[in-house]
Amino acid sequence: MIELENKLKQIPLKDINFHDCKIYAWGFDSDKNQLLMDIDLIYEWIVTKNNNYVFRVAPTTLVFENVWDVSMDISMDNELIIDKIEYSNPVVPRNIDYLPKETKEYDWKIEFLQGEITFKAISFSIYQRQKEVLQKSQTLTMDDRKDISLRKEGILYQINLK
């Protein structure tokens, strides 16, 4: 595995395009109330001189915090592809007494080509587990990604929702 420096970076959610990102696994950490997803995140879509695309892709773990009220409506055969991720309706979280006073909770919707997941959560982080690979495909091979994982290691991007 390629080691990445574990450091925090801030990034606005509007600067990330989740369209066509493949999900390999998801899980729920009930001790921490986290929803986790292992995806191939497409960091950049590049148009070549021949008007074709190449992509910078890396295995990444998405982590949603303080998650509850999860609802899934998914019908799939063999893969799950993200269309978009949206959030709305900022409100005071029901457990605000245990959180910083300015914390907001959002309604989240992850739309797939095969359905959707909705839930409530206060924040969202991304862990880039390996360096990006420049390639013609939007998804990595299992040799390139090394494994399927929900590990929270690598470069941490704290998503700015404002």
N, C-alpha and C. Protein backbone atom coordinates (compact mmCIF):
# COMPACT_ATOMS: atom_id res chain seq x y z
N MET A 1 0.84 -1.18 0.00
CA MET A 1 0.00 0.00 0.00
C MET A 1 0.89 1.24 0.00
N ILE A 2 0.50 2.24 -0.73
CA ILE A 2 1.22 3.51 -0.78
C ILE A 2 0.84 4.30 0.46
N GLU A 3 1.84 4.72 1.23
CA GLU A 3 1.55 5.50 2.44
C GLU A 3 1.30 6.96 2.07
N LEU A 4 0.24 7.50 2.63
CA LEU A 4 -0.07 8.91 2.45
C LEU A 4 0.06 9.60 3.79
N GLU A 5 0.50 10.83 3.75
CA GLU A 5 0.60 11.61 4.97
C GLU A 5 -0.80 11.84 5.51
N ASN A 6 -1.00 11.52 6.78
CA ASN A 6 -2.32 11.68 7.39
C ASN A 6 -2.43 13.12 7.88
N LYS A 7 -3.03 13.98 7.07
CA LYS A 7 -3.18 15.38 7.43
C LYS A 7 -4.57 15.85 7.06
N LEU A 8 -4.99 16.91 7.68
CA LEU A 8 -6.34 17.43 7.47
C LEU A 8 -6.31 18.53 6.41
N LYS A 9 -7.24 18.44 5.47
CA LYS A 9 -7.44 19.47 4.46
C LYS A 9 -8.91 19.86 4.49
N GLN A 10 -9.20 21.12 4.32
CA GLN A 10 -10.58 21.61 4.22
C GLN A 10 -10.93 21.72 2.75
N ILE A 11 -12.16 21.32 2.40
CA ILE A 11 -12.60 21.41 1.01
C ILE A 11 -14.11 21.63 0.98
N PRO A 12 -14.59 22.56 0.15
CA PRO A 12 -16.04 22.74 0.02
C PRO A 12 -16.68 21.57 -0.72
N LEU A 13 -17.85 21.15 -0.27
CA LEU A 13 -18.53 20.03 -0.92
C LEU A 13 -18.82 20.33 -2.39
N LYS A 14 -19.08 21.60 -2.71
CA LYS A 14 -19.38 21.97 -4.11
C LYS A 14 -18.20 21.70 -5.04
N ASP A 15 -17.00 21.52 -4.49
CA ASP A 15 -15.81 21.26 -5.31
C ASP A 15 -15.59 19.78 -5.60
N ILE A 16 -16.50 18.92 -5.11
CA ILE A 16 -16.35 17.48 -5.32
C ILE A 16 -17.51 16.98 -6.16
N ASN A 17 -17.18 16.22 -7.20
CA ASN A 17 -18.20 15.64 -8.06
C ASN A 17 -18.22 14.13 -7.83
N PHE A 18 -19.30 13.63 -7.24
CA PHE A 18 -19.40 12.20 -6.95
C PHE A 18 -20.03 11.41 -8.09
N HIS A 19 -20.41 12.09 -9.17
CA HIS A 19 -21.08 11.43 -10.29
C HIS A 19 -20.20 10.31 -10.86
N ASP A 20 -20.79 9.13 -11.04
CA ASP A 20 -20.16 7.94 -11.60
C ASP A 20 -19.15 7.26 -10.69
N CYS A 21 -19.12 7.62 -9.39
CA CYS A 21 -18.22 6.95 -8.45
C CYS A 21 -18.84 5.63 -8.01
N LYS A 22 -18.06 4.57 -8.07
CA LYS A 22 -18.53 3.23 -7.72
C LYS A 22 -18.35 2.97 -6.23
N ILE A 23 -19.38 2.36 -5.62
CA ILE A 23 -19.32 1.96 -4.21
C ILE A 23 -19.00 0.47 -4.13
N TYR A 24 -18.02 0.14 -3.29
CA TYR A 24 -17.62 -1.25 -3.09
C TYR A 24 -18.20 -1.83 -1.81
N ALA A 25 -18.38 -0.98 -0.79
CA ALA A 25 -18.90 -1.46 0.49
C ALA A 25 -19.45 -0.28 1.27
N TRP A 26 -20.38 -0.58 2.17
CA TRP A 26 -20.81 0.42 3.14
C TRP A 26 -21.06 -0.29 4.45
N GLY A 27 -21.00 0.49 5.52
CA GLY A 27 -21.23 -0.07 6.84
C GLY A 27 -21.65 1.02 7.80
N PHE A 28 -22.11 0.58 8.97
CA PHE A 28 -22.55 1.52 9.99
C PHE A 28 -21.81 1.20 11.28
N ASP A 29 -21.08 2.17 11.81
CA ASP A 29 -20.41 2.04 13.10
C ASP A 29 -21.38 2.55 14.15
N SER A 30 -22.08 1.64 14.81
CA SER A 30 -23.13 2.05 15.77
C SER A 30 -22.54 2.67 17.03
N ASP A 31 -21.28 2.36 17.39
CA ASP A 31 -20.66 2.99 18.56
C ASP A 31 -20.41 4.48 18.34
N LYS A 32 -20.10 4.85 17.08
CA LYS A 32 -19.80 6.25 16.75
C LYS A 32 -20.89 6.92 15.92
N ASN A 33 -21.96 6.18 15.61
CA ASN A 33 -23.05 6.69 14.75
C ASN A 33 -22.51 7.23 13.43
N GLN A 34 -21.66 6.43 12.78
CA GLN A 34 -21.07 6.81 11.50
C GLN A 34 -21.56 5.88 10.39
N LEU A 35 -21.90 6.47 9.25
CA LEU A 35 -22.16 5.73 8.03
C LEU A 35 -20.90 5.84 7.17
N LEU A 36 -20.33 4.70 6.76
CA LEU A 36 -19.08 4.68 6.00
C LEU A 36 -19.31 4.04 4.65
N MET A 37 -18.61 4.54 3.63
CA MET A 37 -18.69 3.97 2.28
C MET A 37 -17.30 3.91 1.67
N ASP A 38 -16.99 2.79 1.03
CA ASP A 38 -15.75 2.62 0.28
C ASP A 38 -16.07 2.86 -1.18
N ILE A 39 -15.47 3.89 -1.77
CA ILE A 39 -15.74 4.23 -3.17
C ILE A 39 -14.45 4.47 -3.94
N ASP A 40 -14.55 4.43 -5.26
CA ASP A 40 -13.51 4.96 -6.14
C ASP A 40 -13.91 6.40 -6.40
N LEU A 41 -13.22 7.34 -5.76
CA LEU A 41 -13.55 8.76 -5.96
C LEU A 41 -12.79 9.28 -7.17
N ILE A 42 -13.52 9.86 -8.10
CA ILE A 42 -12.93 10.46 -9.29
C ILE A 42 -12.54 11.89 -8.92
N TYR A 43 -11.26 12.12 -8.72
CA TYR A 43 -10.77 13.42 -8.29
C TYR A 43 -10.72 14.43 -9.43
N GLU A 44 -10.57 13.92 -10.65
CA GLU A 44 -10.51 14.84 -11.79
C GLU A 44 -10.89 14.12 -13.07
N TRP A 45 -11.67 14.81 -13.89
CA TRP A 45 -12.02 14.35 -15.24
C TRP A 45 -11.20 15.22 -16.19
N ILE A 46 -10.39 14.61 -17.04
CA ILE A 46 -9.49 15.37 -17.92
C ILE A 46 -9.83 15.04 -19.37
N VAL A 47 -10.05 16.09 -20.17
CA VAL A 47 -10.32 15.90 -21.60
C VAL A 47 -8.97 15.85 -22.33
N THR A 48 -8.78 14.81 -23.12
CA THR A 48 -7.53 14.66 -23.88
C THR A 48 -7.61 15.43 -25.20
N LYS A 49 -6.50 15.47 -25.91
CA LYS A 49 -6.46 16.15 -27.20
C LYS A 49 -7.45 15.53 -28.20
N ASN A 50 -7.74 14.24 -28.05
CA ASN A 50 -8.66 13.53 -28.95
C ASN A 50 -10.11 13.61 -28.47
N ASN A 51 -10.39 14.51 -27.53
CA ASN A 51 -11.73 14.66 -26.94
C ASN A 51 -12.23 13.40 -26.24
N ASN A 52 -11.30 12.62 -25.71
CA ASN A 52 -11.64 11.50 -24.84
C ASN A 52 -11.38 11.94 -23.40
N TYR A 53 -11.76 11.10 -22.45
CA TYR A 53 -11.53 11.43 -21.05
C TYR A 53 -10.51 10.47 -20.44
N VAL A 54 -9.73 11.00 -19.52
CA VAL A 54 -8.96 10.21 -18.57
C VAL A 54 -9.33 10.72 -17.19
N PHE A 55 -9.11 9.90 -16.18
CA PHE A 55 -9.59 10.21 -14.84
C PHE A 55 -8.50 9.98 -13.80
N ARG A 56 -8.46 10.86 -12.80
CA ARG A 56 -7.62 10.65 -11.63
C ARG A 56 -8.53 10.05 -10.56
N VAL A 57 -8.25 8.80 -10.16
CA VAL A 57 -9.15 8.03 -9.28
C VAL A 57 -8.35 7.46 -8.12
N ALA A 58 -8.97 7.43 -6.92
CA ALA A 58 -8.32 6.82 -5.76
C ALA A 58 -9.36 6.16 -4.87
N PRO A 59 -8.97 5.06 -4.21
CA PRO A 59 -9.87 4.44 -3.24
C PRO A 59 -10.02 5.37 -2.04
N THR A 60 -11.26 5.55 -1.63
CA THR A 60 -11.59 6.58 -0.65
C THR A 60 -12.68 6.08 0.28
N THR A 61 -12.61 6.48 1.54
CA THR A 61 -13.67 6.17 2.50
C THR A 61 -14.43 7.45 2.81
N LEU A 62 -15.75 7.41 2.60
CA LEU A 62 -16.63 8.51 2.99
C LEU A 62 -17.15 8.22 4.40
N VAL A 63 -17.17 9.24 5.26
CA VAL A 63 -17.63 9.06 6.64
C VAL A 63 -18.63 10.17 6.97
N PHE A 64 -19.86 9.77 7.26
CA PHE A 64 -20.90 10.70 7.69
C PHE A 64 -21.04 10.55 9.20
N GLU A 65 -21.12 11.68 9.92
CA GLU A 65 -21.11 11.69 11.39
C GLU A 65 -22.50 11.94 11.98
N ASN A 66 -22.72 11.34 13.16
CA ASN A 66 -23.95 11.54 13.93
C ASN A 66 -25.18 11.16 13.08
N VAL A 67 -25.12 9.99 12.46
CA VAL A 67 -26.13 9.54 11.50
C VAL A 67 -27.30 8.86 12.21
N TRP A 68 -28.48 9.17 11.71
CA TRP A 68 -29.70 8.49 12.17
C TRP A 68 -30.77 8.63 11.10
N ASP A 69 -31.90 7.97 11.29
CA ASP A 69 -33.04 8.02 10.37
C ASP A 69 -32.63 7.61 8.95
N VAL A 70 -31.94 6.48 8.86
CA VAL A 70 -31.44 5.98 7.57
C VAL A 70 -32.56 5.22 6.85
N SER A 71 -32.73 5.53 5.57
CA SER A 71 -33.70 4.85 4.73
C SER A 71 -33.04 4.51 3.40
N MET A 72 -33.21 3.25 2.95
CA MET A 72 -32.59 2.81 1.70
C MET A 72 -33.66 2.28 0.76
N ASP A 73 -33.54 2.66 -0.51
CA ASP A 73 -34.39 2.12 -1.56
C ASP A 73 -33.48 1.87 -2.75
N ILE A 74 -32.93 0.65 -2.83
CA ILE A 74 -31.92 0.32 -3.83
C ILE A 74 -32.30 -0.98 -4.51
N SER A 75 -32.19 -0.99 -5.84
CA SER A 75 -32.41 -2.20 -6.61
C SER A 75 -31.23 -2.34 -7.56
N MET A 76 -30.37 -3.32 -7.31
CA MET A 76 -29.15 -3.43 -8.11
C MET A 76 -28.86 -4.88 -8.47
N ASP A 77 -28.07 -5.02 -9.53
CA ASP A 77 -27.62 -6.34 -9.93
C ASP A 77 -26.23 -6.63 -9.41
N ASN A 78 -25.23 -5.88 -9.88
CA ASN A 78 -23.86 -6.22 -9.49
C ASN A 78 -22.98 -5.03 -9.12
N GLU A 79 -23.46 -3.79 -9.28
CA GLU A 79 -22.65 -2.66 -8.86
C GLU A 79 -23.55 -1.50 -8.49
N LEU A 80 -23.01 -0.63 -7.65
CA LEU A 80 -23.74 0.53 -7.17
C LEU A 80 -22.94 1.78 -7.54
N ILE A 81 -23.53 2.68 -8.33
CA ILE A 81 -22.85 3.86 -8.84
C ILE A 81 -23.57 5.11 -8.34
N ILE A 82 -22.81 6.05 -7.77
CA ILE A 82 -23.38 7.30 -7.28
C ILE A 82 -23.72 8.21 -8.46
N ASP A 83 -24.89 8.82 -8.40
CA ASP A 83 -25.25 9.87 -9.35
C ASP A 83 -24.90 11.22 -8.73
N LYS A 84 -25.38 11.46 -7.50
CA LYS A 84 -25.03 12.72 -6.81
C LYS A 84 -25.30 12.59 -5.32
N ILE A 85 -24.69 13.48 -4.56
CA ILE A 85 -24.90 13.58 -3.12
C ILE A 85 -25.39 14.99 -2.84
N GLU A 86 -26.50 15.08 -2.11
CA GLU A 86 -27.10 16.38 -1.79
C GLU A 86 -27.37 16.47 -0.29
N TYR A 87 -27.39 17.68 0.21
CA TYR A 87 -27.78 17.92 1.60
C TYR A 87 -28.64 19.17 1.65
N SER A 88 -29.53 19.23 2.66
CA SER A 88 -30.45 20.37 2.76
C SER A 88 -30.97 20.46 4.20
N ASN A 89 -31.80 21.48 4.44
CA ASN A 89 -32.56 21.63 5.66
C ASN A 89 -31.70 21.65 6.94
N PRO A 90 -30.80 22.63 7.09
CA PRO A 90 -30.00 22.69 8.32
C PRO A 90 -30.88 23.00 9.53
N VAL A 91 -30.75 22.16 10.55
CA VAL A 91 -31.50 22.35 11.80
C VAL A 91 -30.58 22.06 12.98
N VAL A 92 -31.03 22.40 14.17
CA VAL A 92 -30.30 22.08 15.38
C VAL A 92 -30.44 20.57 15.63
N PRO A 93 -29.32 19.85 15.84
CA PRO A 93 -29.41 18.40 16.07
C PRO A 93 -30.16 18.08 17.35
N ARG A 94 -30.79 16.95 17.38
CA ARG A 94 -31.56 16.54 18.56
C ARG A 94 -30.66 16.30 19.77
N ASN A 95 -29.37 16.02 19.57
CA ASN A 95 -28.44 15.81 20.68
C ASN A 95 -27.45 16.97 20.81
N ILE A 96 -27.92 18.18 20.59
CA ILE A 96 -27.06 19.38 20.61
C ILE A 96 -26.34 19.55 21.94
N ASP A 97 -26.88 19.04 23.03
CA ASP A 97 -26.24 19.18 24.34
C ASP A 97 -24.87 18.51 24.38
N TYR A 98 -24.58 17.60 23.44
CA TYR A 98 -23.32 16.86 23.42
C TYR A 98 -22.41 17.31 22.27
N LEU A 99 -22.82 18.36 21.56
CA LEU A 99 -22.09 18.84 20.39
C LEU A 99 -21.76 20.32 20.55
N PRO A 100 -20.79 20.83 19.77
CA PRO A 100 -20.55 22.28 19.78
C PRO A 100 -21.84 23.03 19.45
N LYS A 101 -22.08 24.16 20.12
CA LYS A 101 -23.39 24.84 20.02
C LYS A 101 -23.75 25.31 18.62
N GLU A 102 -22.79 25.54 17.74
CA GLU A 102 -23.09 26.00 16.38
C GLU A 102 -23.35 24.85 15.39
N THR A 103 -23.31 23.61 15.85
CA THR A 103 -23.49 22.44 15.00
C THR A 103 -24.88 22.42 14.36
N LYS A 104 -24.91 22.07 13.08
CA LYS A 104 -26.17 21.90 12.35
C LYS A 104 -26.28 20.45 11.87
N GLU A 105 -27.50 20.00 11.76
CA GLU A 105 -27.78 18.67 11.22
C GLU A 105 -28.48 18.87 9.87
N TYR A 106 -28.19 17.98 8.92
CA TYR A 106 -28.72 18.12 7.56
C TYR A 106 -29.46 16.86 7.15
N ASP A 107 -30.39 17.03 6.23
CA ASP A 107 -31.00 15.90 5.53
C ASP A 107 -30.10 15.59 4.34
N TRP A 108 -29.63 14.34 4.27
CA TRP A 108 -28.74 13.91 3.20
C TRP A 108 -29.46 12.96 2.26
N LYS A 109 -29.13 13.05 0.99
CA LYS A 109 -29.64 12.10 0.00
C LYS A 109 -28.50 11.74 -0.94
N ILE A 110 -28.22 10.44 -1.00
CA ILE A 110 -27.25 9.93 -1.96
C ILE A 110 -28.06 9.22 -3.03
N GLU A 111 -28.06 9.80 -4.22
CA GLU A 111 -28.77 9.20 -5.34
C GLU A 111 -27.82 8.33 -6.13
N PHE A 112 -28.28 7.11 -6.41
CA PHE A 112 -27.53 6.16 -7.21
C PHE A 112 -28.25 6.00 -8.54
N LEU A 113 -27.60 5.39 -9.48
CA LEU A 113 -28.29 5.01 -10.71
C LEU A 113 -29.33 3.94 -10.40
N GLN A 114 -29.20 3.28 -9.23
CA GLN A 114 -30.04 2.16 -8.85
C GLN A 114 -30.95 2.44 -7.65
N GLY A 115 -31.13 3.69 -7.22
CA GLY A 115 -31.97 4.00 -6.07
C GLY A 115 -31.38 5.13 -5.24
N GLU A 116 -31.67 5.10 -3.92
CA GLU A 116 -31.15 6.18 -3.07
C GLU A 116 -31.09 5.75 -1.61
N ILE A 117 -30.26 6.48 -0.86
CA ILE A 117 -30.19 6.38 0.59
C ILE A 117 -30.45 7.78 1.12
N THR A 118 -31.31 7.91 2.13
CA THR A 118 -31.51 9.19 2.81
C THR A 118 -31.22 8.99 4.29
N PHE A 119 -30.76 10.05 4.94
CA PHE A 119 -30.45 9.99 6.37
C PHE A 119 -30.21 11.40 6.89
N LYS A 120 -30.08 11.51 8.19
CA LYS A 120 -29.72 12.77 8.84
C LYS A 120 -28.31 12.62 9.39
N ALA A 121 -27.49 13.68 9.24
CA ALA A 121 -26.11 13.66 9.72
C ALA A 121 -25.62 15.10 9.90
N ILE A 122 -24.60 15.27 10.75
CA ILE A 122 -24.10 16.62 11.02
C ILE A 122 -22.90 16.99 10.17
N SER A 123 -22.09 16.02 9.78
CA SER A 123 -20.89 16.36 9.02
C SER A 123 -20.47 15.20 8.14
N PHE A 124 -19.42 15.45 7.37
CA PHE A 124 -19.01 14.53 6.32
C PHE A 124 -17.51 14.70 6.10
N SER A 125 -16.79 13.58 6.05
CA SER A 125 -15.35 13.59 5.81
C SER A 125 -15.01 12.57 4.73
N ILE A 126 -13.84 12.77 4.13
CA ILE A 126 -13.33 11.87 3.11
C ILE A 126 -11.90 11.48 3.51
N TYR A 127 -11.61 10.18 3.45
CA TYR A 127 -10.25 9.69 3.67
C TYR A 127 -9.75 9.10 2.36
N GLN A 128 -8.77 9.76 1.76
CA GLN A 128 -8.14 9.24 0.54
C GLN A 128 -7.06 8.26 0.97
N ARG A 129 -7.27 6.97 0.70
CA ARG A 129 -6.42 5.92 1.24
C ARG A 129 -5.16 5.65 0.42
N GLN A 130 -5.15 6.04 -0.86
CA GLN A 130 -3.98 5.85 -1.73
C GLN A 130 -3.86 7.05 -2.65
N LYS A 131 -2.70 7.14 -3.29
CA LYS A 131 -2.52 8.19 -4.29
C LYS A 131 -3.42 7.91 -5.49
N GLU A 132 -3.79 9.00 -6.19
CA GLU A 132 -4.65 8.85 -7.38
C GLU A 132 -3.91 8.13 -8.50
N VAL A 133 -4.68 7.40 -9.30
CA VAL A 133 -4.17 6.73 -10.49
C VAL A 133 -4.79 7.44 -11.69
N LEU A 134 -3.97 7.81 -12.68
CA LEU A 134 -4.48 8.41 -13.91
C LEU A 134 -4.76 7.28 -14.88
N GLN A 135 -6.02 7.20 -15.35
CA GLN A 135 -6.41 6.07 -16.20
C GLN A 135 -7.59 6.43 -17.07
N LYS A 136 -7.90 5.54 -18.02
CA LYS A 136 -9.02 5.75 -18.93
C LYS A 136 -10.36 5.36 -18.31
N SER A 137 -10.34 4.53 -17.30
CA SER A 137 -11.56 4.04 -16.66
C SER A 137 -11.91 4.87 -15.42
N GLN A 138 -13.20 4.95 -15.09
CA GLN A 138 -13.64 5.67 -13.90
C GLN A 138 -13.52 4.83 -12.63
N THR A 139 -13.27 3.54 -12.79
CA THR A 139 -13.11 2.67 -11.63
C THR A 139 -11.75 1.99 -11.67
N LEU A 140 -11.25 1.71 -10.48
CA LEU A 140 -9.96 1.05 -10.36
C LEU A 140 -10.12 -0.47 -10.44
N THR A 141 -9.06 -1.15 -10.83
CA THR A 141 -9.06 -2.61 -10.74
C THR A 141 -8.80 -2.98 -9.27
N MET A 142 -9.12 -4.20 -8.90
CA MET A 142 -8.85 -4.63 -7.53
C MET A 142 -7.35 -4.63 -7.25
N ASP A 143 -6.51 -4.87 -8.26
CA ASP A 143 -5.06 -4.79 -8.06
C ASP A 143 -4.64 -3.37 -7.71
N ASP A 144 -5.24 -2.37 -8.38
CA ASP A 144 -4.90 -0.98 -8.10
C ASP A 144 -5.41 -0.53 -6.73
N ARG A 145 -6.61 -0.98 -6.36
CA ARG A 145 -7.18 -0.51 -5.08
C ARG A 145 -6.68 -1.33 -3.90
N LYS A 146 -6.09 -2.47 -4.14
CA LYS A 146 -5.49 -3.34 -3.12
C LYS A 146 -6.51 -4.11 -2.28
N ASP A 147 -7.65 -3.51 -1.95
CA ASP A 147 -8.63 -4.19 -1.12
C ASP A 147 -9.93 -3.40 -1.08
N ILE A 148 -10.90 -3.97 -0.42
CA ILE A 148 -12.14 -3.28 -0.11
C ILE A 148 -12.04 -2.93 1.37
N SER A 149 -12.26 -1.66 1.71
CA SER A 149 -11.98 -1.25 3.08
C SER A 149 -12.84 -0.06 3.49
N LEU A 150 -13.15 -0.01 4.77
CA LEU A 150 -13.80 1.16 5.36
C LEU A 150 -12.85 1.85 6.34
N ARG A 151 -11.54 1.62 6.15
CA ARG A 151 -10.54 2.23 7.03
C ARG A 151 -10.56 3.75 6.90
N LYS A 152 -10.30 4.38 8.03
CA LYS A 152 -10.21 5.84 8.07
C LYS A 152 -8.74 6.20 8.24
N GLU A 153 -8.03 6.19 7.08
CA GLU A 153 -6.60 6.50 7.08
C GLU A 153 -6.25 7.17 5.76
N GLY A 154 -5.12 7.88 5.77
CA GLY A 154 -4.68 8.58 4.56
C GLY A 154 -4.90 10.07 4.71
N ILE A 155 -5.13 10.73 3.60
CA ILE A 155 -5.38 12.18 3.62
C ILE A 155 -6.83 12.40 4.03
N LEU A 156 -7.04 13.18 5.06
CA LEU A 156 -8.38 13.48 5.56
C LEU A 156 -8.84 14.81 5.00
N TYR A 157 -9.98 14.80 4.31
CA TYR A 157 -10.60 16.01 3.82
C TYR A 157 -11.85 16.26 4.66
N GLN A 158 -11.84 17.34 5.44
CA GLN A 158 -13.03 17.73 6.18
C GLN A 158 -13.87 18.58 5.25
N ILE A 159 -15.10 18.18 5.02
CA ILE A 159 -15.94 18.84 4.04
C ILE A 159 -16.62 20.07 4.66
N ASN A 160 -16.48 21.19 3.99
CA ASN A 160 -17.10 22.44 4.41
C ASN A 160 -18.47 22.52 3.75
N LEU A 161 -19.52 22.53 4.56
CA LEU A 161 -20.89 22.55 4.02
C LEU A 161 -21.43 23.94 3.79
N LYS A 162 -20.68 24.95 4.09
CA LYS A 162 -21.16 26.33 3.92
C LYS A 162 -20.83 26.88 2.56
